[in-house]
Protein backbone atom coordinates (compact mmCIF):
# COMPACT_ATOMS: atom_id res chain seq x y z
CA MET A 1 -7.10 -8.28 -24.90
CA ARG A 2 -8.02 -4.89 -23.45
CA VAL A 3 -5.63 -2.93 -21.24
CA GLY A 4 -5.68 0.45 -19.52
CA MET A 5 -2.70 2.29 -21.02
CA TYR A 6 -1.40 5.07 -18.77
CA TYR A 7 -0.20 8.31 -20.37
CA SER A 8 -0.99 10.66 -17.47
CA ASN A 9 -3.48 10.89 -14.62
CA SER A 10 -5.92 12.57 -17.00
CA ARG A 11 -5.34 10.17 -19.88
CA VAL A 12 -5.66 6.41 -19.39
CA ASP A 13 -6.85 4.86 -22.65
CA VAL A 14 -8.41 1.46 -23.25
CA GLU A 15 -6.23 -0.18 -25.87
CA GLU A 16 -5.67 -3.63 -27.37
CA LEU A 17 -2.59 -5.77 -26.77
CA PRO A 18 -1.95 -9.45 -27.53
CA VAL A 19 -2.61 -11.88 -24.68
CA PRO A 20 0.86 -12.63 -23.25
CA LYS A 21 2.36 -15.96 -24.27
CA VAL A 22 3.08 -18.33 -21.43
CA GLY A 23 6.48 -19.96 -21.15
CA LYS A 24 7.47 -23.09 -19.24
CA ARG A 25 7.91 -21.17 -15.98
CA ASP A 26 4.97 -18.75 -16.31
CA ILE A 27 1.31 -18.61 -15.40
CA LEU A 28 -1.47 -16.58 -17.02
CA VAL A 29 -3.93 -14.90 -14.67
CA LYS A 30 -7.39 -13.64 -15.59
CA VAL A 31 -7.48 -10.39 -13.62
CA MET A 32 -10.62 -10.06 -11.48
CA ALA A 33 -9.81 -7.10 -9.19
CA SER A 34 -7.00 -4.56 -9.37
CA GLY A 35 -6.72 -1.63 -6.97
CA ILE A 36 -5.42 1.81 -7.92
CA CYS A 37 -2.51 2.52 -5.58
CA GLY A 38 -1.52 5.98 -4.45
CA SER A 39 1.75 5.47 -6.31
CA ASP A 40 -0.20 4.85 -9.53
CA VAL A 41 -1.43 8.45 -9.45
CA LEU A 42 1.91 9.90 -8.37
CA GLU A 43 2.22 11.58 -11.73
CA TRP A 44 5.79 12.93 -11.47
CA TYR A 45 6.91 9.35 -10.79
CA ARG A 46 4.79 7.54 -13.38
CA ILE A 47 4.70 9.87 -16.35
CA LYS A 48 8.41 9.57 -17.11
CA LYS A 49 7.87 5.88 -17.97
CA ALA A 50 4.61 6.38 -19.89
CA PRO A 51 2.97 4.91 -21.83
CA LEU A 52 2.66 1.76 -19.73
CA VAL A 53 0.12 -0.54 -18.12
CA LEU A 54 0.07 -0.05 -14.36
CA GLY A 55 -1.58 -2.13 -11.64
CA HIS A 56 0.09 -4.20 -8.92
CA GLU A 57 -2.63 -4.71 -6.27
CA LEU A 58 -4.47 -7.57 -7.88
CA THR A 59 -6.14 -10.93 -7.69
CA GLY A 60 -7.46 -13.27 -10.34
CA GLU A 61 -7.95 -16.78 -11.66
CA VAL A 62 -5.19 -18.92 -13.16
CA VAL A 63 -6.21 -19.81 -16.72
CA GLU A 64 -2.94 -21.20 -18.13
CA VAL A 65 0.04 -22.89 -16.50
CA GLY A 66 3.54 -23.44 -17.88
CA GLU A 67 4.59 -27.07 -18.15
CA GLU A 68 7.24 -26.77 -15.44
CA ILE A 69 4.88 -25.16 -12.89
CA THR A 70 3.57 -27.55 -10.23
CA LYS A 71 2.60 -25.03 -7.55
CA PHE A 72 -0.56 -23.82 -9.33
CA LYS A 73 -3.23 -25.20 -11.61
CA LYS A 74 -6.02 -23.85 -13.79
CA ARG A 75 -8.93 -22.24 -11.93
CA ASP A 76 -6.86 -21.50 -8.83
CA ARG A 77 -7.84 -18.19 -7.23
CA VAL A 78 -4.66 -16.23 -6.52
CA PHE A 79 -3.10 -13.04 -5.25
CA THR A 80 0.16 -12.06 -6.91
CA THR A 81 2.72 -9.29 -6.63
CA HIS A 82 5.20 -7.97 -9.16
CA HIS A 83 8.20 -7.19 -6.94
CA VAL A 84 9.84 -9.90 -4.84
CA PRO A 85 13.31 -10.12 -3.26
CA CYS A 86 16.02 -12.53 -4.37
CA ASP A 87 16.37 -13.99 -0.84
CA GLN A 88 20.10 -14.49 -1.42
CA CYS A 89 21.82 -11.08 -1.35
CA HIS A 90 23.42 -9.29 1.60
CA TRP A 91 20.33 -7.14 2.17
CA CYS A 92 17.83 -9.99 2.01
CA LEU A 93 19.86 -12.11 4.41
CA GLY A 94 20.03 -9.13 6.75
CA GLY A 95 16.24 -8.74 6.82
CA HIS A 96 16.08 -5.77 4.45
CA GLN A 97 14.29 -7.56 1.60
CA THR A 98 12.74 -4.45 0.08
CA ALA A 99 16.20 -2.88 -0.24
CA CYS A 100 17.19 -5.82 -2.48
CA THR A 101 18.32 -4.79 -5.97
CA VAL A 102 16.16 -7.50 -7.54
CA PHE A 103 13.12 -6.29 -5.59
CA GLN A 104 13.64 -2.68 -6.67
CA THR A 105 14.57 -3.19 -10.32
CA GLU A 106 12.92 -6.34 -11.69
CA THR A 107 9.25 -6.79 -12.49
CA ASN A 108 7.60 -10.12 -13.14
CA PHE A 109 4.31 -8.86 -14.60
CA ALA A 110 3.39 -8.51 -18.27
CA PRO A 111 1.87 -6.10 -18.99
CA GLY A 112 0.34 -4.97 -15.64
CA GLY A 113 -2.71 -5.42 -13.46
CA PHE A 114 -4.95 -3.05 -15.39
CA SER A 115 -5.47 -5.59 -18.15
CA GLU A 116 -7.73 -8.53 -18.85
CA TYR A 117 -4.91 -11.05 -18.57
CA LEU A 118 -1.55 -10.95 -16.86
CA ARG A 119 1.52 -13.14 -17.27
CA VAL A 120 3.35 -13.80 -14.01
CA SER A 121 6.87 -15.15 -14.18
CA GLY A 122 10.11 -15.73 -12.32
CA LYS A 123 10.36 -15.48 -8.57
CA SER A 124 6.93 -13.88 -8.34
CA ILE A 125 5.55 -17.38 -8.86
CA ASP A 126 7.80 -18.92 -6.21
CA THR A 127 7.33 -16.42 -3.38
CA GLY A 128 4.99 -13.71 -4.64
CA THR A 129 1.84 -15.62 -5.60
CA PHE A 130 -0.51 -17.12 -2.99
CA LEU A 131 -3.70 -19.13 -3.17
CA LEU A 132 -6.60 -17.01 -1.94
CA PRO A 133 -8.49 -18.50 1.00
CA ASP A 134 -11.93 -19.74 -0.04
CA GLU A 135 -13.67 -17.23 2.23
CA MET A 136 -11.79 -14.24 0.78
CA SER A 137 -13.23 -12.33 -2.17
CA TYR A 138 -11.13 -11.08 -5.08
CA GLU A 139 -11.72 -7.52 -3.89
CA GLN A 140 -10.51 -8.30 -0.37
CA GLY A 141 -7.47 -10.06 -1.82
CA SER A 142 -6.48 -6.95 -3.75
CA PHE A 143 -5.66 -5.34 -0.38
CA ILE A 144 -3.03 -7.94 0.54
CA GLU A 145 -0.12 -5.98 -0.92
CA PRO A 146 -1.09 -2.55 0.48
CA LEU A 147 -1.79 -4.06 3.89
CA GLY A 148 1.52 -5.92 3.62
CA THR A 149 3.36 -2.61 3.38
CA VAL A 150 1.55 -1.45 6.51
CA VAL A 151 2.41 -4.68 8.34
CA ARG A 152 6.06 -4.03 7.51
CA GLY A 153 5.78 -0.42 8.64
CA LEU A 154 4.29 -1.12 12.05
CA ARG A 155 6.81 -3.89 12.58
CA ALA A 156 9.58 -1.37 11.81
CA VAL A 157 8.43 0.92 14.63
CA ALA A 158 7.78 -2.00 17.00
CA LEU A 159 4.27 -0.82 17.86
CA LYS A 160 3.27 -2.14 21.28
CA PRO A 161 -0.17 -2.45 22.91
CA GLY A 162 -0.96 0.85 24.58
CA ASP A 163 1.36 2.96 22.41
CA SER A 164 -0.07 6.30 21.38
CA LEU A 165 -0.04 6.86 17.63
CA LEU A 166 -0.16 9.86 15.30
CA VAL A 167 -1.01 9.13 11.65
CA LEU A 168 -0.29 12.06 9.31
CA GLY A 169 -2.36 11.55 6.17
CA CYS A 170 -5.58 9.56 5.82
CA GLY A 171 -5.37 7.99 2.39
CA VAL A 172 -5.74 4.23 2.14
CA ALA A 173 -2.32 3.64 3.72
CA GLY A 174 -3.19 5.88 6.65
CA MET A 175 -6.55 4.15 7.11
CA LEU A 176 -4.88 0.74 7.07
CA MET A 177 -2.37 2.00 9.65
CA ILE A 178 -5.25 2.98 11.91
CA LYS A 179 -7.10 -0.30 11.41
CA LEU A 180 -4.03 -2.47 11.99
CA ALA A 181 -2.86 -0.41 14.96
CA ARG A 182 -6.27 -0.89 16.55
CA ALA A 183 -6.06 -4.65 15.92
CA LEU A 184 -2.61 -4.67 17.58
CA GLY A 185 -3.88 -2.89 20.68
CA ALA A 186 -2.64 0.66 20.16
CA GLY A 187 -3.72 3.25 22.70
CA ARG A 188 -4.70 6.80 21.73
CA ILE A 189 -4.75 7.42 17.97
CA LEU A 190 -4.79 10.87 16.38
CA ALA A 191 -5.17 11.21 12.60
CA THR A 192 -4.70 14.25 10.37
CA ASP A 193 -5.70 15.17 6.83
CA ILE A 194 -6.85 18.19 4.83
CA ASP A 195 -10.05 16.48 3.63
CA ASP A 196 -13.15 16.36 5.85
CA TYR A 197 -14.45 13.17 4.21
CA ARG A 198 -11.25 11.32 5.11
CA LEU A 199 -11.20 12.74 8.62
CA GLU A 200 -14.70 11.42 9.25
CA ALA A 201 -13.67 8.02 7.86
CA ALA A 202 -10.59 7.95 10.11
CA ARG A 203 -12.81 8.42 13.17
CA ARG A 204 -15.06 5.63 11.95
CA PHE A 205 -12.11 3.29 11.45
CA GLY A 206 -10.62 3.75 14.89
CA ALA A 207 -8.95 7.14 15.37
CA GLU A 208 -9.91 8.63 18.73
CA LYS A 209 -9.57 12.08 17.21
CA ALA A 210 -9.08 13.31 13.64
CA VAL A 211 -8.09 16.92 12.96
CA ARG A 212 -7.21 19.09 10.02
CA ALA A 213 -3.53 18.96 9.09
CA ASP A 214 -3.20 22.74 9.07
CA GLY A 215 -3.82 22.95 12.83
CA ASP A 216 -1.57 22.70 15.89
CA ILE A 217 -0.83 18.98 15.75
CA PRO A 218 1.46 18.71 18.83
CA SER A 219 -1.24 20.34 20.96
CA SER A 220 -3.91 18.03 19.51
CA ILE A 221 -2.01 14.87 20.40
CA LYS A 222 -1.32 16.19 23.91
CA GLU A 223 -5.05 16.81 24.42
CA ILE A 224 -5.86 13.10 24.09
CA ASN A 225 -2.60 11.65 25.42
CA ASN A 226 -2.34 12.95 28.98
CA GLY A 227 -0.21 15.91 27.97
CA ARG A 228 2.37 13.81 26.11
CA LEU A 229 3.36 13.74 22.47
CA ALA A 230 2.98 10.52 20.45
CA ASP A 231 4.97 7.35 21.07
CA LYS A 232 4.82 6.50 17.38
CA VAL A 233 4.38 8.91 14.47
CA ILE A 234 3.60 7.57 11.00
CA VAL A 235 4.01 9.92 8.02
CA CYS A 236 1.56 8.81 5.31
CA ALA A 237 1.48 12.09 3.38
CA GLY A 238 4.33 12.89 1.01
CA VAL A 239 4.47 16.61 1.74
CA LEU A 240 7.03 18.72 3.58
CA SER A 241 4.49 20.01 6.10
CA ALA A 242 3.76 16.45 7.28
CA ALA A 243 7.47 15.70 7.66
CA ARG A 244 7.93 18.83 9.76
CA GLN A 245 4.89 18.04 11.92
CA ALA A 246 6.24 14.56 12.58
CA LEU A 247 9.49 15.98 13.93
CA GLU A 248 7.51 18.25 16.27
CA SER A 249 5.03 15.63 17.49
CA VAL A 250 7.07 12.64 18.70
CA ASP A 251 7.53 12.02 22.41
CA ARG A 252 10.78 11.20 24.21
CA GLY A 253 11.72 7.60 23.48
CA GLY A 254 9.41 7.62 20.47
CA THR A 255 9.80 6.66 16.83
CA ILE A 256 8.93 8.43 13.58
CA LEU A 257 8.26 6.30 10.51
CA PHE A 258 8.53 7.96 7.12
CA PHE A 259 6.14 5.65 5.29
CA ALA A 260 5.71 8.45 2.73
CA VAL A 261 8.39 10.99 1.91
CA PRO A 262 8.45 14.43 0.24
CA ASN A 263 9.22 14.77 -3.45
CA PRO A 264 12.80 14.24 -4.65
CA GLY A 265 14.96 17.27 -3.97
CA GLU A 266 12.73 18.56 -1.17
CA THR A 267 14.56 18.69 2.15
CA VAL A 268 13.84 19.34 5.81
CA ASN A 269 16.32 21.03 8.14
CA ILE A 270 16.76 19.03 11.35
CA ASP A 271 18.39 20.01 14.60
CA PHE A 272 19.50 16.57 15.78
CA ASN A 273 20.25 17.60 19.35
CA PRO A 274 16.71 17.06 20.71
CA PHE A 275 16.50 13.67 18.98
CA TRP A 276 19.89 12.64 20.37
CA ARG A 277 19.08 13.80 23.89
CA ASN A 278 15.56 12.34 23.95
CA ASP A 279 16.31 8.93 22.45
CA ILE A 280 14.09 9.44 19.40
CA SER A 281 14.38 7.11 16.39
CA LEU A 282 13.79 7.97 12.73
CA LYS A 283 12.78 5.05 10.50
CA THR A 284 11.79 4.52 6.87
CA CYS A 285 9.84 1.74 5.20
CA TYR A 286 9.36 0.76 1.57
CA GLY A 287 7.26 -1.99 0.02
CA ALA A 288 6.31 -5.41 1.34
CA ALA A 289 8.25 -8.68 1.41
CA PRO A 290 6.54 -12.08 0.98
CA LEU A 291 6.28 -12.58 4.75
CA ASP A 292 4.51 -9.22 5.12
CA ASN A 293 2.02 -10.17 2.41
CA ARG A 294 1.42 -13.59 3.96
CA GLN A 295 0.67 -12.00 7.32
CA ALA A 296 -1.57 -9.39 5.67
CA MET A 297 -3.56 -12.11 3.95
CA GLU A 298 -4.15 -13.86 7.28
CA LEU A 299 -5.18 -10.60 8.97
CA ILE A 300 -7.82 -10.08 6.28
CA ARG A 301 -8.94 -13.72 6.25
CA ALA A 302 -9.39 -13.81 10.02
CA GLY A 303 -11.35 -10.56 10.03
CA ASN A 304 -8.82 -8.75 12.20
CA VAL A 305 -8.52 -6.02 9.55
CA ASP A 306 -11.70 -5.39 7.57
CA VAL A 307 -10.85 -3.86 4.21
CA ARG A 308 -14.26 -3.97 2.56
CA ASP A 309 -15.38 -0.59 3.90
CA LEU A 310 -12.36 1.10 2.32
CA ILE A 311 -13.70 0.53 -1.20
CA THR A 312 -15.52 3.63 -2.40
CA HIS A 313 -15.44 3.18 -6.19
CA ARG A 314 -15.62 0.24 -8.58
CA TYR A 315 -15.12 0.54 -12.35
CA SER A 316 -14.91 -1.77 -15.31
CA LEU A 317 -11.79 -1.68 -17.46
CA GLU A 318 -13.69 0.43 -20.02
CA GLU A 319 -14.21 3.03 -17.28
CA ILE A 320 -10.60 3.09 -16.06
CA SER A 321 -10.18 6.77 -16.91
CA LYS A 322 -13.00 7.54 -14.45
CA GLY A 323 -11.19 5.46 -11.85
CA PHE A 324 -7.95 7.38 -12.27
CA LYS A 325 -9.84 10.68 -12.14
CA ALA A 326 -11.50 9.68 -8.87
CA ALA A 327 -8.24 8.40 -7.36
CA SER A 328 -6.12 11.39 -8.41
CA GLU A 329 -8.67 14.00 -7.30
CA GLY A 330 -9.39 12.16 -4.04
CA LYS A 331 -12.83 13.72 -3.50
CA ASP A 332 -14.99 11.43 -1.32
CA CYS A 333 -12.68 8.65 -2.39
CA LEU A 334 -10.57 6.02 -0.65
CA LYS A 335 -9.90 2.85 -2.66
CA VAL A 336 -10.77 2.51 -6.35
CA ILE A 337 -11.04 -1.03 -7.70
CA ILE A 338 -10.82 -1.82 -11.43
CA LYS A 339 -12.67 -5.01 -12.43
CA PRO A 340 -11.64 -6.20 -15.92
CA HIS A 341 -14.05 -9.17 -15.72
CA LYS A 342 -17.41 -9.74 -14.08
CA GLU A 343 -17.47 -12.34 -11.31
């Protein structure tokens, strides 16, 4: 079978690998849509493990089922995810499923979503693979995992109807934050980015105002929020400047969510006195647990979060290098979908 083998953002080669063999507790999925995640083009993070087959935002058709599997059958349309929690450890039982060691260290995909066929095994079958609703396309289903991370993020900050929101960074995650916040009844939303194409898209998707990230962000949020800073600040850009702006832009009683963080080793100096005095919370969020993905799937199915207009590029597996170029450069680009098979 053909796979997209990642060596670097500028080199993703189409190569041949054997179709994975299916064991008693495995399923084989014919990959129909696989999204390029922002983490897939985070080169400092990916290149140290290269060469490898990436791809974890995917949907497809079950074409082979292990003899001990009763949950799925051939021709089922499914969404699946490679990282799932153990549901038994201290962190899982405390509600911190994405801090689970199993979640963070074990993968249940072979070889990865940028391939014609994918073997899914282990707990990813039990809690990480869902039947796609009949009315949901493969492309829509490929957004379940990224939207699941956003569901988890907005739950972490306890977004309430009427809360003002600042989203720093308008990649796909930032756009999904805006869309979901609107669906949940958020009040004033300000978005920032350095790219005019993304700023225009943020306005279209629900931001009341979208401004360049190199401007005076605290003043911009005050302009649309009755002179106040933001109740909730979501950092969706992994750069130091965004982290600093977040610290300057949160209102008293507010919450900052570091959905994205700066590179390893990069630090921000913080004077904690204003945060202590003004009852400000700092939160982080990583990944999506099965519940988050289940809720994301229902949000898409019900039409509460429309993901179709986020797709800007579609490529076949033979064109995967073009897809990675578009995603890594980010010019007039939001979500890139790789389609190993024609529907």
